[in-house]
Protein backbone atom coordinates (compact mmCIF):
# COMPACT_ATOMS: atom_id res chain seq x y z
CA MET A 1 1.55 -32.58 -85.84
CA GLU A 2 0.78 -36.33 -87.70
CA ILE A 3 3.82 -38.34 -88.10
CA ILE A 4 3.68 -39.31 -91.60
CA LYS A 5 4.22 -43.68 -92.37
CA PHE A 6 4.56 -45.23 -95.52
CA PRO A 7 3.14 -48.59 -96.60
CA ASN A 8 5.55 -51.44 -96.85
CA LEU A 9 6.60 -51.58 -100.19
CA LEU A 10 8.44 -54.12 -102.06
CA PRO A 11 11.94 -52.84 -102.95
CA ILE A 12 13.16 -52.38 -106.28
CA MET A 13 16.30 -53.38 -107.15
CA MET A 14 18.49 -52.79 -110.12
CA ASP A 15 20.23 -55.58 -111.55
CA TYR A 16 24.27 -55.88 -110.85
CA GLU A 17 25.34 -54.14 -114.12
CA GLU A 18 22.79 -51.20 -113.70
CA TRP A 19 23.91 -50.51 -110.19
CA LEU A 20 27.38 -50.51 -111.96
CA LYS A 21 26.10 -48.16 -114.33
CA SER A 22 24.28 -45.90 -111.99
CA LYS A 23 27.68 -44.93 -110.86
CA ASP A 24 29.30 -44.60 -114.07
CA LEU A 25 31.22 -47.85 -114.29
CA GLU A 26 31.15 -50.47 -116.81
CA TYR A 27 33.20 -53.34 -118.27
CA ARG A 28 33.73 -52.97 -122.13
CA GLU A 29 35.55 -56.19 -123.49
CA GLY A 30 36.62 -57.10 -119.51
CA ILE A 31 38.11 -53.63 -118.96
CA LEU A 32 36.28 -51.73 -116.24
CA TYR A 33 35.77 -47.94 -117.68
CA MET A 34 34.47 -45.15 -115.28
CA ALA A 35 33.27 -42.06 -117.02
CA GLY A 36 34.07 -43.33 -120.40
CA VAL A 37 37.98 -43.82 -119.40
CA ASN A 38 39.88 -47.21 -118.78
CA THR A 39 40.64 -47.48 -115.17
CA VAL A 40 43.75 -50.16 -116.03
CA ASP A 41 45.06 -47.25 -118.05
CA ILE A 42 45.03 -44.65 -115.11
CA ALA A 43 46.48 -47.06 -112.36
CA GLU A 44 49.31 -47.37 -114.91
CA LYS A 45 50.01 -43.89 -115.98
CA TYR A 46 49.40 -42.16 -112.13
CA GLY A 47 50.43 -45.54 -109.88
CA THR A 48 48.18 -47.17 -106.94
CA PRO A 49 47.23 -46.49 -104.83
CA ILE A 50 45.18 -43.28 -106.23
CA TYR A 51 41.65 -41.62 -105.63
CA VAL A 52 39.57 -41.64 -108.99
CA ILE A 53 36.92 -38.74 -109.03
CA ASN A 54 33.86 -38.67 -111.40
CA GLU A 55 33.25 -34.71 -112.25
CA ASP A 56 30.28 -35.43 -114.28
CA LEU A 57 28.63 -37.98 -111.40
CA ILE A 58 29.30 -35.18 -109.26
CA ARG A 59 27.27 -32.58 -111.22
CA LYS A 60 24.38 -35.36 -111.45
CA ARG A 61 23.77 -36.16 -108.01
CA TYR A 62 23.51 -32.29 -107.10
CA LYS A 63 21.66 -31.20 -110.00
CA THR A 64 19.18 -34.49 -109.06
CA LEU A 65 18.72 -33.52 -105.30
CA LYS A 66 18.40 -29.59 -106.48
CA LYS A 67 15.58 -30.67 -109.14
CA GLU A 68 13.48 -32.45 -106.01
CA LEU A 69 13.75 -29.82 -103.79
CA ASP A 70 12.81 -27.17 -106.40
CA SER A 71 9.50 -29.33 -107.31
CA VAL A 72 8.12 -28.66 -103.57
CA TYR A 73 9.61 -25.09 -102.14
CA LYS A 74 11.97 -23.21 -104.42
CA ASN A 75 13.56 -21.01 -101.55
CA ASN A 76 16.38 -23.77 -100.95
CA GLN A 77 19.99 -23.70 -100.34
CA ILE A 78 22.04 -27.05 -100.58
CA HIS A 79 25.00 -26.75 -98.47
CA PHE A 80 27.50 -29.19 -99.23
CA ALA A 81 29.34 -30.71 -96.51
CA VAL A 82 32.78 -30.42 -96.87
CA LYS A 83 33.91 -32.70 -94.46
CA ALA A 84 32.84 -35.55 -96.89
CA ASN A 85 35.25 -34.06 -99.67
CA SER A 86 37.17 -30.91 -99.10
CA ASN A 87 39.34 -31.50 -102.68
CA LEU A 88 39.78 -27.64 -104.30
CA SER A 89 38.56 -29.21 -107.63
CA VAL A 90 35.05 -30.90 -105.74
CA LEU A 91 34.28 -27.56 -104.40
CA LYS A 92 34.59 -25.43 -107.65
CA ILE A 93 32.32 -28.42 -109.12
CA LEU A 94 29.94 -27.41 -106.60
CA LYS A 95 30.57 -23.75 -106.65
CA SER A 96 29.88 -23.49 -110.32
CA GLN A 97 26.76 -25.67 -109.95
CA GLY A 98 25.40 -22.92 -107.27
CA ALA A 99 25.69 -24.75 -104.61
CA TYR A 100 26.43 -23.39 -100.70
CA PHE A 101 28.65 -24.81 -98.51
CA ASP A 102 28.63 -26.74 -94.86
CA CYS A 103 31.51 -26.16 -92.77
CA SER A 104 32.47 -27.99 -89.58
CA SER A 105 36.07 -26.33 -88.73
CA THR A 106 38.01 -22.97 -89.68
CA GLY A 107 40.10 -25.46 -92.26
CA GLU A 108 36.95 -26.14 -94.05
CA ILE A 109 36.19 -22.81 -94.31
CA TYR A 110 39.80 -21.59 -95.41
CA ALA A 111 39.36 -24.57 -97.97
CA CYS A 112 36.05 -22.62 -99.32
CA PHE A 113 37.63 -19.48 -99.55
CA LYS A 114 40.88 -21.22 -101.64
CA ALA A 115 37.99 -22.53 -103.71
CA GLY A 116 36.25 -18.93 -104.75
CA ILE A 117 33.81 -19.48 -102.31
CA SER A 118 32.28 -15.99 -100.51
CA SER A 119 31.45 -16.20 -97.29
CA GLU A 120 27.72 -15.68 -97.52
CA LYS A 121 27.49 -19.15 -98.96
CA ILE A 122 28.88 -20.55 -96.12
CA ILE A 123 27.69 -22.05 -92.64
CA TYR A 124 30.01 -22.67 -89.73
CA THR A 125 28.20 -25.61 -87.79
CA GLY A 126 31.16 -27.14 -85.69
CA ASN A 127 31.13 -27.86 -81.95
CA MET A 128 32.94 -27.24 -78.88
CA PHE A 129 34.36 -23.72 -80.77
CA THR A 130 37.62 -22.29 -79.05
CA ASN A 131 37.54 -18.68 -79.40
CA GLU A 132 40.02 -18.61 -81.69
CA ASP A 133 37.36 -20.54 -84.31
CA PHE A 134 34.82 -18.19 -83.38
CA LYS A 135 37.39 -14.94 -83.84
CA PHE A 136 38.09 -16.64 -87.16
CA ALA A 137 34.32 -16.76 -88.32
CA VAL A 138 33.35 -13.48 -87.28
CA GLU A 139 36.23 -11.62 -88.99
CA ASN A 140 35.37 -13.44 -92.53
CA ASP A 141 31.69 -12.90 -91.63
CA ILE A 142 30.66 -16.21 -91.41
CA LEU A 143 27.56 -17.44 -89.72
CA VAL A 144 27.95 -19.60 -86.75
CA ASN A 145 25.63 -22.77 -86.30
CA LEU A 146 26.18 -22.46 -82.19
CA ASP A 147 26.10 -26.01 -80.35
CA SER A 148 25.64 -25.01 -76.68
CA ILE A 149 24.12 -22.04 -74.62
CA SER A 150 27.15 -21.38 -72.69
CA GLN A 151 29.10 -20.75 -76.18
CA LEU A 152 26.74 -17.84 -76.77
CA LYS A 153 28.42 -15.19 -74.37
CA ARG A 154 31.95 -15.80 -76.09
CA LEU A 155 30.77 -15.42 -79.61
CA SER A 156 29.03 -12.32 -78.34
CA LYS A 157 31.98 -11.09 -76.77
CA VAL A 158 34.39 -11.71 -80.15
CA TYR A 159 31.53 -9.79 -81.99
CA GLU A 160 32.06 -6.36 -79.72
CA ASP A 161 35.40 -6.93 -79.54
CA LEU A 162 36.02 -6.87 -83.06
CA GLY A 163 33.14 -4.30 -83.49
CA LYS A 164 30.88 -6.36 -85.50
CA GLU A 165 27.37 -6.12 -86.15
CA LYS A 166 25.30 -8.90 -84.44
CA ASN A 167 23.38 -10.17 -87.40
CA LEU A 168 22.23 -13.16 -87.94
CA ILE A 169 22.56 -16.49 -85.42
CA SER A 170 21.85 -19.97 -85.33
CA PHE A 171 21.77 -22.84 -82.92
CA ARG A 172 21.77 -26.34 -83.68
CA ILE A 173 18.74 -28.40 -82.01
CA ASN A 174 19.27 -31.72 -80.98
CA PRO A 175 15.90 -33.69 -81.89
CA GLU A 176 16.94 -36.54 -79.48
CA PHE A 177 15.52 -38.95 -82.51
CA GLY A 178 18.86 -40.21 -84.36
CA ALA A 179 19.58 -42.42 -87.01
CA GLY A 180 22.84 -43.25 -89.02
CA HIS A 181 24.87 -46.49 -90.32
CA HIS A 182 26.62 -46.57 -87.25
CA SER A 183 26.74 -45.99 -83.73
CA HIS A 184 29.36 -43.13 -84.38
CA THR A 185 27.64 -41.47 -86.86
CA ILE A 186 24.05 -41.21 -84.97
CA THR A 187 24.07 -37.46 -84.01
CA ALA A 188 20.87 -37.24 -82.12
CA GLY A 189 19.91 -37.91 -78.94
CA LYS A 190 19.93 -37.24 -75.11
CA ASP A 191 23.34 -39.02 -75.07
CA ILE A 192 25.22 -37.31 -77.75
CA LYS A 193 27.14 -34.45 -77.64
CA PHE A 194 25.32 -32.34 -80.54
CA GLY A 195 23.36 -29.87 -80.00
CA ILE A 196 20.82 -28.49 -77.13
CA LEU A 197 17.69 -30.14 -76.05
CA ASP A 198 13.85 -29.62 -76.66
CA ASN A 199 13.93 -28.13 -72.82
CA GLN A 200 16.81 -25.34 -73.82
CA VAL A 201 15.94 -23.88 -77.15
CA ILE A 202 13.08 -21.22 -75.20
CA GLU A 203 16.26 -20.18 -73.01
CA ALA A 204 18.99 -20.36 -76.03
CA TYR A 205 16.96 -17.82 -78.60
CA SER A 206 15.77 -15.36 -75.73
CA LYS A 207 19.72 -14.59 -74.47
CA ALA A 208 20.68 -14.76 -77.99
CA ARG A 209 18.22 -11.57 -78.34
CA GLU A 210 19.32 -10.21 -75.09
CA TYR A 211 22.35 -10.61 -76.55
CA GLY A 212 21.69 -8.43 -79.48
CA PHE A 213 21.12 -11.01 -82.35
CA LYS A 214 18.66 -9.68 -84.78
CA LYS A 215 17.95 -12.32 -87.09
CA PHE A 216 17.67 -16.52 -86.38
CA GLY A 217 17.81 -19.50 -88.13
CA THR A 218 17.75 -23.55 -86.65
CA HIS A 219 19.20 -26.26 -87.54
CA ILE A 220 19.64 -30.41 -86.96
CA HIS A 221 21.31 -33.00 -88.29
CA VAL A 222 20.63 -36.65 -87.30
CA GLY A 223 22.63 -38.79 -88.34
CA SER A 224 24.92 -40.45 -91.64
CA GLY A 225 24.55 -42.89 -94.35
CA ILE A 226 20.67 -43.14 -94.09
CA LEU A 227 18.49 -45.02 -96.82
CA ASP A 228 15.01 -45.11 -95.35
CA PRO A 229 13.09 -41.75 -95.73
CA ASN A 230 11.24 -43.27 -92.39
CA ASP A 231 14.91 -42.63 -90.40
CA PHE A 232 13.73 -38.62 -90.58
CA ASP A 233 10.50 -38.70 -89.74
CA LYS A 234 10.10 -38.50 -85.91
CA ALA A 235 12.91 -36.21 -85.93
CA SER A 236 11.66 -33.70 -88.51
CA GLU A 237 8.34 -33.88 -86.47
CA LYS A 238 9.83 -33.33 -83.49
CA TYR A 239 12.05 -30.74 -85.17
CA LEU A 240 9.23 -28.74 -86.58
CA THR A 241 7.29 -28.71 -83.43
CA ILE A 242 9.99 -27.01 -81.66
CA VAL A 243 10.46 -24.50 -84.59
CA MET A 244 6.84 -23.74 -84.09
CA LYS A 245 7.14 -23.31 -80.71
CA LEU A 246 9.98 -20.63 -80.72
CA ALA A 247 7.91 -18.99 -82.88
CA ASP A 248 4.93 -18.38 -81.20
CA THR A 249 6.47 -18.25 -77.79
CA LEU A 250 9.03 -15.59 -78.56
CA ASP A 251 7.86 -13.95 -81.67
CA ILE A 252 10.55 -15.29 -83.80
CA LYS A 253 10.42 -14.95 -87.58
CA PHE A 254 13.21 -17.51 -88.94
CA ASP A 255 15.51 -16.51 -91.82
CA PHE A 256 16.05 -20.47 -92.33
CA VAL A 257 15.17 -23.76 -90.88
CA ASP A 258 18.41 -26.17 -91.73
CA PHE A 259 17.40 -29.83 -92.07
CA GLY A 260 21.30 -31.38 -92.15
CA GLY A 261 22.23 -33.93 -94.02
CA GLY A 262 22.42 -37.67 -93.54
CA LEU A 263 21.29 -38.92 -97.38
CA GLY A 264 23.12 -42.25 -98.13
CA ILE A 265 23.99 -44.11 -101.03
CA PRO A 266 23.53 -47.92 -101.99
CA TYR A 267 27.08 -49.00 -101.01
CA ARG A 268 25.90 -52.80 -101.72
CA PRO A 269 24.75 -53.99 -105.23
CA LYS A 270 21.28 -54.83 -103.66
CA GLU A 271 20.75 -52.13 -101.57
CA VAL A 272 17.76 -50.10 -102.69
CA PRO A 273 18.74 -46.41 -103.07
CA LEU A 274 17.30 -43.49 -101.00
CA ASP A 275 13.72 -42.92 -102.25
CA LEU A 276 13.84 -39.09 -103.14
CA GLU A 277 9.77 -38.83 -103.26
CA GLU A 278 9.39 -40.42 -99.92
CA TYR A 279 12.22 -38.30 -98.72
CA LYS A 280 10.37 -35.11 -100.06
CA LYS A 281 7.13 -36.34 -98.25
CA VAL A 282 8.65 -36.78 -94.78
CA VAL A 283 10.85 -33.27 -94.76
CA ILE A 284 10.31 -30.91 -97.57
CA LYS A 285 6.73 -30.66 -98.01
CA ARG A 286 5.90 -31.14 -93.94
CA PHE A 287 8.27 -28.21 -93.56
CA LYS A 288 6.36 -26.08 -96.60
CA ASP A 289 2.92 -27.07 -95.00
CA LEU A 290 4.04 -25.85 -91.32
CA ILE A 291 5.17 -22.52 -93.11
CA GLU A 292 2.35 -21.94 -94.80
CA LYS A 293 0.49 -22.58 -91.84
CA VAL A 294 2.30 -20.21 -89.72
CA ASP A 295 2.69 -17.82 -92.31
CA MET A 296 6.10 -17.34 -92.37
CA ASP A 297 7.15 -15.82 -95.62
CA GLN A 298 10.42 -16.14 -97.62
CA VAL A 299 12.09 -18.68 -94.92
CA ASP A 300 14.98 -20.52 -96.44
CA PHE A 301 15.01 -24.67 -96.65
CA LYS A 302 18.46 -25.81 -95.97
CA ILE A 303 19.92 -29.22 -96.59
CA GLU A 304 23.59 -30.57 -96.02
CA PRO A 305 24.22 -33.59 -97.67
CA GLY A 306 28.20 -34.64 -98.69
CA ARG A 307 27.94 -38.68 -99.53
CA TYR A 308 25.14 -38.14 -101.67
CA ILE A 309 26.66 -35.83 -103.71
CA THR A 310 30.15 -37.55 -103.85
CA ALA A 311 30.32 -40.44 -102.41
CA GLU A 312 29.81 -42.48 -106.11
CA ALA A 313 31.92 -39.96 -107.85
CA SER A 314 35.20 -41.60 -106.28
CA ILE A 315 36.92 -45.12 -106.68
CA ILE A 316 40.13 -46.26 -105.06
CA LEU A 317 42.58 -47.87 -107.61
CA THR A 318 44.93 -50.25 -106.14
CA GLN A 319 46.91 -53.05 -107.05
CA ILE A 320 47.19 -56.61 -105.72
CA ASN A 321 51.15 -57.30 -104.62
CA THR A 322 50.42 -60.61 -102.94
CA ILE A 323 48.54 -63.43 -103.09
CA LYS A 324 48.69 -65.04 -99.90
CA ASP A 325 47.44 -68.84 -98.89
CA ASN A 326 47.88 -69.75 -95.76
CA GLY A 327 45.91 -73.33 -95.66
CA TYR A 328 42.73 -71.52 -94.38
CA LYS A 329 41.95 -68.91 -96.51
CA LEU A 330 42.93 -66.61 -99.41
CA PHE A 331 44.27 -63.21 -98.92
CA ALA A 332 44.65 -60.76 -101.40
CA GLY A 333 47.20 -57.63 -100.39
CA VAL A 334 47.01 -54.97 -102.09
CA ASP A 335 48.97 -51.21 -101.86
CA ALA A 336 46.09 -49.52 -100.32
CA GLY A 337 45.07 -49.72 -96.53
CA PHE A 338 43.43 -48.56 -93.99
CA ASN A 339 45.46 -45.43 -94.15
CA THR A 340 44.03 -44.45 -97.42
CA LEU A 341 40.07 -45.38 -96.63
CA ILE A 342 39.59 -46.15 -93.09
CA ARG A 343 35.63 -46.46 -93.16
CA PRO A 344 35.82 -50.32 -93.02
CA THR A 345 37.98 -50.71 -89.94
CA MET A 346 36.38 -47.82 -88.11
CA TYR A 347 32.74 -48.53 -88.98
CA GLY A 348 32.70 -51.99 -90.23
CA SER A 349 31.73 -50.66 -93.55
CA TYR A 350 31.18 -52.34 -96.58
CA HIS A 351 32.98 -51.24 -99.93
CA HIS A 352 32.17 -53.09 -103.12
CA ILE A 353 35.76 -54.31 -104.34
CA ILE A 354 35.63 -55.35 -108.77
CA VAL A 355 38.47 -56.33 -110.47
CA CYS A 356 39.82 -54.01 -113.36
CA LYS A 357 40.19 -56.53 -115.62
CA LYS A 358 38.55 -59.72 -115.89
CA ASN A 359 40.33 -62.83 -116.74
CA SER A 360 39.11 -65.28 -119.00
CA LYS A 361 38.38 -67.92 -116.53
CA GLU A 362 35.16 -68.14 -115.00
CA LYS A 363 36.42 -69.31 -112.02
CA THR A 364 35.76 -67.66 -108.70
CA GLN A 365 37.34 -67.82 -105.06
CA LYS A 366 36.70 -66.32 -101.85
CA TYR A 367 39.31 -63.70 -100.74
CA ASP A 368 39.94 -61.39 -98.01
CA VAL A 369 41.20 -58.00 -99.55
CA VAL A 370 43.67 -56.92 -97.22
CA GLY A 371 46.18 -53.92 -96.91
CA PRO A 372 49.90 -53.25 -95.56
CA ILE A 373 49.17 -51.83 -92.42
CA CYS A 374 50.78 -53.41 -89.30
CA GLU A 375 47.37 -54.28 -88.20
CA SER A 376 45.02 -57.14 -88.59
CA GLY A 377 42.02 -54.54 -88.57
CA ASP A 378 43.57 -53.43 -92.04
CA VAL A 379 40.84 -55.54 -94.25
CA PHE A 380 38.63 -53.77 -96.89
CA GLY A 381 36.62 -57.02 -97.23
CA LYS A 382 36.18 -60.48 -95.85
CA ASP A 383 35.15 -63.69 -97.88
CA ARG A 384 34.44 -61.35 -101.09
CA GLU A 385 33.53 -63.58 -103.96
CA LEU A 386 35.93 -62.34 -107.16
CA PRO A 387 37.29 -63.66 -110.22
CA GLU A 388 40.63 -65.54 -109.60
CA LEU A 389 42.76 -62.73 -108.68
CA PHE A 390 47.09 -62.83 -109.78
CA GLU A 391 49.65 -60.50 -108.41
CA GLY A 392 49.75 -57.08 -110.64
CA ASP A 393 46.05 -57.36 -110.86
CA TYR A 394 44.07 -54.20 -110.00
CA LEU A 395 41.20 -53.67 -108.19
CA ALA A 396 38.75 -50.72 -107.74
CA ILE A 397 37.25 -49.86 -104.20
CA LEU A 398 34.15 -48.07 -105.33
CA ASP A 399 31.99 -45.26 -103.69
CA ALA A 400 35.65 -43.85 -101.72
CA GLY A 401 34.74 -40.08 -102.79
CA ALA A 402 33.16 -38.99 -99.36
CA TYR A 403 35.21 -39.33 -96.04
CA GLY A 404 37.98 -41.14 -98.20
CA PHE A 405 41.11 -38.83 -98.35
CA THR A 406 39.49 -36.80 -95.77
CA MET A 407 39.72 -39.32 -93.22
CA SER A 408 43.12 -40.75 -94.52
CA SER A 409 46.32 -40.37 -92.51
CA PRO A 410 50.23 -41.14 -92.86
CA TYR A 411 50.10 -43.71 -90.48
CA ASN A 412 52.55 -46.42 -91.05
CA SER A 413 54.35 -43.25 -92.26
CA ARG A 414 52.91 -44.45 -95.78
CA PRO A 415 52.27 -40.90 -97.95
CA ARG A 416 48.97 -40.41 -98.84
CA PRO A 417 48.32 -41.14 -102.56
CA ALA A 418 47.51 -38.50 -105.36
CA GLU A 419 43.97 -37.78 -106.48
CA VAL A 420 42.66 -37.59 -110.37
CA LEU A 421 39.50 -36.06 -112.29
CA LEU A 422 37.89 -37.39 -114.82
CA ASN A 423 36.12 -34.72 -117.11
CA ASP A 424 35.04 -35.22 -120.75
CA GLN A 425 36.92 -38.54 -120.95
CA LYS A 426 40.48 -36.95 -120.12
CA SER A 427 42.62 -37.44 -116.61
CA TYR A 428 43.63 -34.85 -114.38
CA LEU A 429 46.10 -34.55 -111.42
CA ILE A 430 44.57 -32.64 -109.05
CA ARG A 431 46.32 -33.97 -105.86
CA LYS A 432 50.03 -35.24 -106.16
CA ALA A 433 50.83 -38.07 -104.15
CA GLU A 434 52.73 -37.14 -101.15
CA THR A 435 56.81 -38.32 -100.92
CA PHE A 436 58.38 -38.79 -97.97
CA ASP A 437 59.91 -35.10 -97.35
CA ASP A 438 56.18 -34.17 -96.55
CA LEU A 439 55.69 -36.84 -94.07
CA LEU A 440 58.64 -34.79 -92.18
CA SER A 441 58.37 -31.52 -93.18
CA HIS A 442 57.29 -29.85 -90.82
CA GLN A 443 60.04 -31.84 -87.92
CA GLU A 444 62.54 -29.78 -85.96
CA ILE A 445 65.13 -32.01 -84.45
CA PRO A 446 66.50 -29.68 -80.85
CA ASP A 447 70.00 -28.91 -80.94
CA HIS A 448 71.24 -31.34 -78.26
CA LEU A 449 70.17 -34.22 -80.81
CA LYS A 450 71.59 -33.18 -84.01
């Protein structure tokens, strides 16, 4: 199969104001608005730090992606990666758009059920499954996407113990070509824990058939936060070669072929957004050409984006409590910390930071924007060029709708913040802020310490 190569194209960058507007952000008379709502008013009404989610932008991102897939191949399903954002309101928004869902744990499946999502809309792509994981999935008729050949025997026994019919099964294939914004988010390669390698796939599907499974799917996921379509090229080429080998060797007609997620977003103003036209060429059109060539009718094409749909739809509002000049540099201390957004500390990720209210002065200065956590790594941004800041000002940390709240924690015994949803220029509290009592609610003191 020929590897597609793209010419070197000059990047087309939006100017700064257009970049903000693409995220439904704009300044009106010096005040930052999100989805037509005054961010200063939000901060003062609900307190800070707080996650603010734009419902309309989630819908727009989903519709854009769905339209692009439909333009090439109609039998497609977008499975939202619940690990990116598991808020029940977000799941309900996507459910109303017709989305499917990708879960990486039984807790995420439970959240989907609470959002009214039915079993047939869910795929369970976990790893290192326990027998309890399998039991929960099988009892609830959830499709399991296996990560290892060794898991097949245990899963088969769970089906038998529960008296459930062994119908559809899938394996996650590791194409050995990975990509991502950080080494921790690259999910393919021989030294990566995920999936089965090329030399194991025939054995895996042969055993699945021996154990009595009747229908088959297949899956890959190469990494997260990808902006260059070429990063999908070698992996998709290798993956489809494996799919064709399986079909030829075992005479398998797949129900679906799943290309996973990984679609990135521009966190920096000068980053070029993912070119969906090129993504279609390297992934969707290549898939369509293959199934037409091997005469596999009615195969579902699946992808599992998370960040692409929700990341830009949320910001964190935080208040400056300290302006500190140590004679060497300036620090802007805020009430959010890496317990609120861990990505900069964990991955070195960039999140753009802007003021919620511009002051009348044109003077700018460089600040390290830092949180209150008792660690030196609690930094949202170093040497950020910002208008002169003052204690009491509000800042917005952008693109926090994926792996923001879902990776938050009560570290330093700090309760997690509330979440607010914006719709039709109104705000709705969709998750209450935790309290001190919430932090302690599941602790039990033994009698000898009372």
